[in-house]
Amino acid sequence: MATAVESTIVKPQTAILSKDNKELSSAVKLLKENLEKISISSDAPVMQVVMEPIQALQAQIAQIQEQMQVESDAELPKEEIPQVAEVVYHQFCSRIP
């Protein structure tokens, strides 16, 4: 049985997970699309056929990593810091018996 404190803590984590799941599902979709594009014909050099999708996937991975870095580097606006601190303080105090 979840207490009020646990449910407040779980909700933000659920939001983060759903955001990550959306990013992962779109990345998987892109991977599937690229893998479907792979077709080896008898007159195409095998290395070229193999390397093109790999390079496309590497570019997509780099783009996702760059986006994730930008999101992690984003700073909290200074006017929101006291509000966030208050929420954290109340969550912490509510755990103390």
Protein backbone atom coordinates (compact mmCIF):
# COMPACT_ATOMS: atom_id res chain seq x y z
CA MET A 1 0.00 0.00 0.00
CA ALA A 2 1.51 3.29 -1.10
CA THR A 3 1.54 6.24 1.24
CA ALA A 4 0.99 9.80 0.05
CA VAL A 5 4.74 10.44 0.11
CA GLU A 6 5.51 7.37 -1.99
CA SER A 7 2.89 8.27 -4.57
CA THR A 8 4.28 11.81 -4.91
CA ILE A 9 7.72 10.38 -5.45
CA VAL A 10 6.57 7.74 -7.94
CA LYS A 11 4.68 10.15 -10.20
CA PRO A 12 7.74 12.16 -11.36
CA GLN A 13 9.67 8.94 -11.92
CA THR A 14 6.79 7.60 -14.01
CA ALA A 15 6.81 10.78 -16.09
CA ILE A 16 10.56 10.44 -16.66
CA LEU A 17 10.18 6.77 -17.60
CA SER A 18 7.39 7.49 -20.05
CA LYS A 19 9.49 10.24 -21.66
CA ASP A 20 12.45 7.84 -21.91
CA ASN A 21 10.14 5.14 -23.30
CA LYS A 22 8.89 7.53 -25.98
CA GLU A 23 12.48 8.38 -26.95
CA LEU A 24 13.45 4.73 -26.96
CA SER A 25 10.42 3.68 -28.98
CA SER A 26 11.13 6.36 -31.58
CA ALA A 27 14.78 5.27 -31.70
CA VAL A 28 13.71 1.64 -32.12
CA LYS A 29 11.32 2.69 -34.88
CA LEU A 30 14.16 4.48 -36.69
CA LEU A 31 16.38 1.43 -36.25
CA LYS A 32 13.70 -0.85 -37.69
CA GLU A 33 13.19 1.49 -40.65
CA ASN A 34 16.91 1.50 -41.37
CA LEU A 35 17.22 -2.24 -41.00
CA GLU A 36 14.34 -2.71 -43.46
CA LYS A 37 16.27 -0.59 -45.98
CA ILE A 38 19.15 -3.05 -46.00
CA SER A 39 19.03 -5.09 -49.15
CA ILE A 40 21.98 -6.91 -50.60
CA SER A 41 21.99 -7.13 -54.36
CA SER A 42 24.38 -9.32 -56.28
CA ASP A 43 26.14 -6.39 -57.97
CA ALA A 44 26.57 -4.18 -54.87
CA PRO A 45 29.79 -4.42 -52.86
CA VAL A 46 28.96 -6.10 -49.57
CA MET A 47 30.95 -3.68 -47.39
CA GLN A 48 29.13 -0.68 -48.84
CA VAL A 49 25.76 -2.33 -48.26
CA VAL A 50 26.76 -3.13 -44.68
CA MET A 51 28.43 0.18 -43.84
CA GLU A 52 25.76 2.60 -45.10
CA PRO A 53 23.07 1.54 -42.58
CA ILE A 54 25.67 1.37 -39.81
CA GLN A 55 26.79 4.92 -40.53
CA ALA A 56 23.16 6.08 -40.61
CA LEU A 57 22.57 4.42 -37.23
CA GLN A 58 25.73 6.00 -35.80
CA ALA A 59 24.51 9.42 -36.94
CA GLN A 60 21.13 8.82 -35.28
CA ILE A 61 22.78 7.64 -32.07
CA ALA A 62 25.00 10.74 -32.03
CA GLN A 63 21.94 12.94 -32.55
CA ILE A 64 20.08 11.25 -29.66
CA GLN A 65 23.14 11.55 -27.40
CA GLU A 66 23.50 15.23 -28.28
CA GLN A 67 19.81 15.85 -27.52
CA MET A 68 20.12 14.03 -24.20
CA GLN A 69 23.23 16.10 -23.31
CA VAL A 70 21.43 19.35 -24.12
CA GLU A 71 18.50 18.29 -21.92
CA SER A 72 20.79 17.32 -19.05
CA ASP A 73 22.73 20.61 -19.32
CA ALA A 74 19.56 22.69 -19.14
CA GLU A 75 19.55 24.77 -15.99
CA LEU A 76 16.60 25.31 -13.71
CA PRO A 77 15.42 28.94 -13.98
CA LYS A 78 16.50 30.85 -10.88
CA GLU A 79 12.93 31.90 -10.04
CA GLU A 80 11.90 28.22 -9.77
CA ILE A 81 14.68 27.19 -7.37
CA PRO A 82 12.85 28.29 -4.16
CA GLN A 83 9.68 26.45 -5.27
CA VAL A 84 11.58 23.25 -6.02
CA ALA A 85 13.52 23.55 -2.76
CA GLU A 86 10.26 23.93 -0.83
CA VAL A 87 8.78 20.80 -2.41
CA VAL A 88 11.92 18.79 -1.66
CA TYR A 89 11.98 20.11 1.91
CA HIS A 90 8.34 19.12 2.52
CA GLN A 91 8.88 15.67 1.03
CA PHE A 92 11.93 15.19 3.24
CA CYS A 93 10.15 16.42 6.39
CA SER A 94 7.14 14.21 5.75
CA ARG A 95 9.42 11.15 5.88
CA ILE A 96 10.65 11.97 9.38
CA PRO A 97 8.47 10.21 11.99
